[in-house]
Amino acid sequence: MTLYEYKMLSEDEQYDTVFSKGKFLDIVIEGNSKYVLYALDKFFVEVIWDNEKDEIIGIGQFKEGDSLDKYSNVPKEI
C-alpha cells in the first residue's frame, strides 16, 4: 500500500489498517498528548491520544520531516 492509497481510505479504515498491519515503533508523551508511531509499508502513521480522556484525537501520515524528528533522541542543538 502506498501513502496515497492509505490517505484515500476513510478515517475508520485508516485506523483499522494501522492497528492491524502497522508495526509499532515508538511512543512520545508531550503534556497531555501521547504520540504513537507505526510503520506501514514505506511510510509512517502517527496516532495521537489524549492522555486525560484516554481517547484518540487524531492521526497523521508522513514519510519524513518534523513529525518524524520528535522520535529521535538526537538533540536539536549539539
Protein backbone atom coordinates (compact mmCIF):
# COMPACT_ATOMS: atom_id res chain seq x y z
CA MET A 1 0.00 0.00 0.00
CA THR A 2 1.30 3.44 -0.86
CA LEU A 3 0.90 6.57 1.23
CA TYR A 4 -1.52 7.91 -1.39
CA GLU A 5 -3.66 4.75 -1.22
CA TYR A 6 -3.68 4.95 2.58
CA LYS A 7 -4.83 8.58 2.52
CA MET A 8 -7.68 7.62 0.20
CA LEU A 9 -9.13 5.29 2.88
CA SER A 10 -11.86 6.53 5.20
CA GLU A 11 -10.68 7.53 8.69
CA ASP A 12 -12.10 4.29 10.15
CA GLU A 13 -10.29 2.23 7.51
CA GLN A 14 -7.05 4.11 8.25
CA TYR A 15 -7.30 3.20 11.95
CA ASP A 16 -8.19 -0.43 11.15
CA THR A 17 -5.24 -0.69 8.75
CA VAL A 18 -2.63 0.86 11.04
CA PHE A 19 -3.72 -1.22 14.05
CA SER A 20 -3.90 -4.49 12.11
CA LYS A 21 -0.97 -4.12 9.67
CA GLY A 22 1.24 -1.40 11.13
CA LYS A 23 4.41 -2.15 13.07
CA PHE A 24 4.63 -0.30 16.38
CA LEU A 25 7.84 1.74 16.63
CA ASP A 26 7.74 4.27 19.48
CA ILE A 27 5.73 6.48 21.84
CA VAL A 28 6.42 10.10 22.76
CA ILE A 29 4.50 11.84 25.55
CA GLU A 30 4.23 15.63 25.48
CA GLY A 31 1.99 17.23 28.07
CA ASN A 32 -1.45 15.63 27.91
CA SER A 33 -0.84 14.08 24.49
CA LYS A 34 0.68 10.73 23.59
CA TYR A 35 2.04 10.22 20.05
CA VAL A 36 2.27 6.60 18.93
CA LEU A 37 4.35 5.88 15.83
CA TYR A 38 3.74 2.96 13.47
CA ALA A 39 5.49 1.90 10.25
CA LEU A 40 3.25 0.84 7.40
CA ASP A 41 4.98 -0.23 4.18
CA LYS A 42 7.23 2.73 3.22
CA PHE A 43 5.66 5.46 5.36
CA PHE A 44 4.80 6.26 8.96
CA VAL A 45 1.49 6.75 10.74
CA GLU A 46 1.20 8.72 13.97
CA VAL A 47 -1.83 8.15 16.20
CA ILE A 48 -2.41 10.95 18.71
CA TRP A 49 -4.06 10.19 22.06
CA ASP A 50 -5.47 12.49 24.74
CA ASN A 51 -3.96 11.05 27.94
CA GLU A 52 -6.57 12.52 30.28
CA LYS A 53 -9.57 11.23 28.32
CA ASP A 54 -7.73 8.10 27.09
CA GLU A 55 -9.08 8.53 23.57
CA ILE A 56 -7.71 9.03 20.09
CA ILE A 57 -7.82 12.65 18.94
CA GLY A 58 -6.01 12.45 15.61
CA ILE A 59 -4.00 10.60 13.02
CA GLY A 60 -1.26 11.73 10.67
CA GLN A 61 0.81 10.20 7.90
CA PHE A 62 4.27 11.14 6.65
CA LYS A 63 7.49 9.84 5.15
CA GLU A 64 9.94 12.28 6.75
CA GLY A 65 10.28 15.71 8.32
CA ASP A 66 9.49 17.39 11.61
CA SER A 67 6.79 14.88 12.54
CA LEU A 68 9.36 12.09 12.43
CA ASP A 69 12.09 14.14 14.15
CA LYS A 70 10.31 14.08 17.53
CA TYR A 71 11.00 10.33 17.76
CA SER A 72 14.78 10.86 17.54
CA ASN A 73 16.89 11.00 20.67
CA VAL A 74 19.32 13.35 18.96
CA PRO A 75 19.18 16.88 20.43
CA LYS A 76 18.32 19.68 18.00
CA GLU A 77 21.45 21.60 19.02
CA ILE A 78 24.71 19.86 19.70
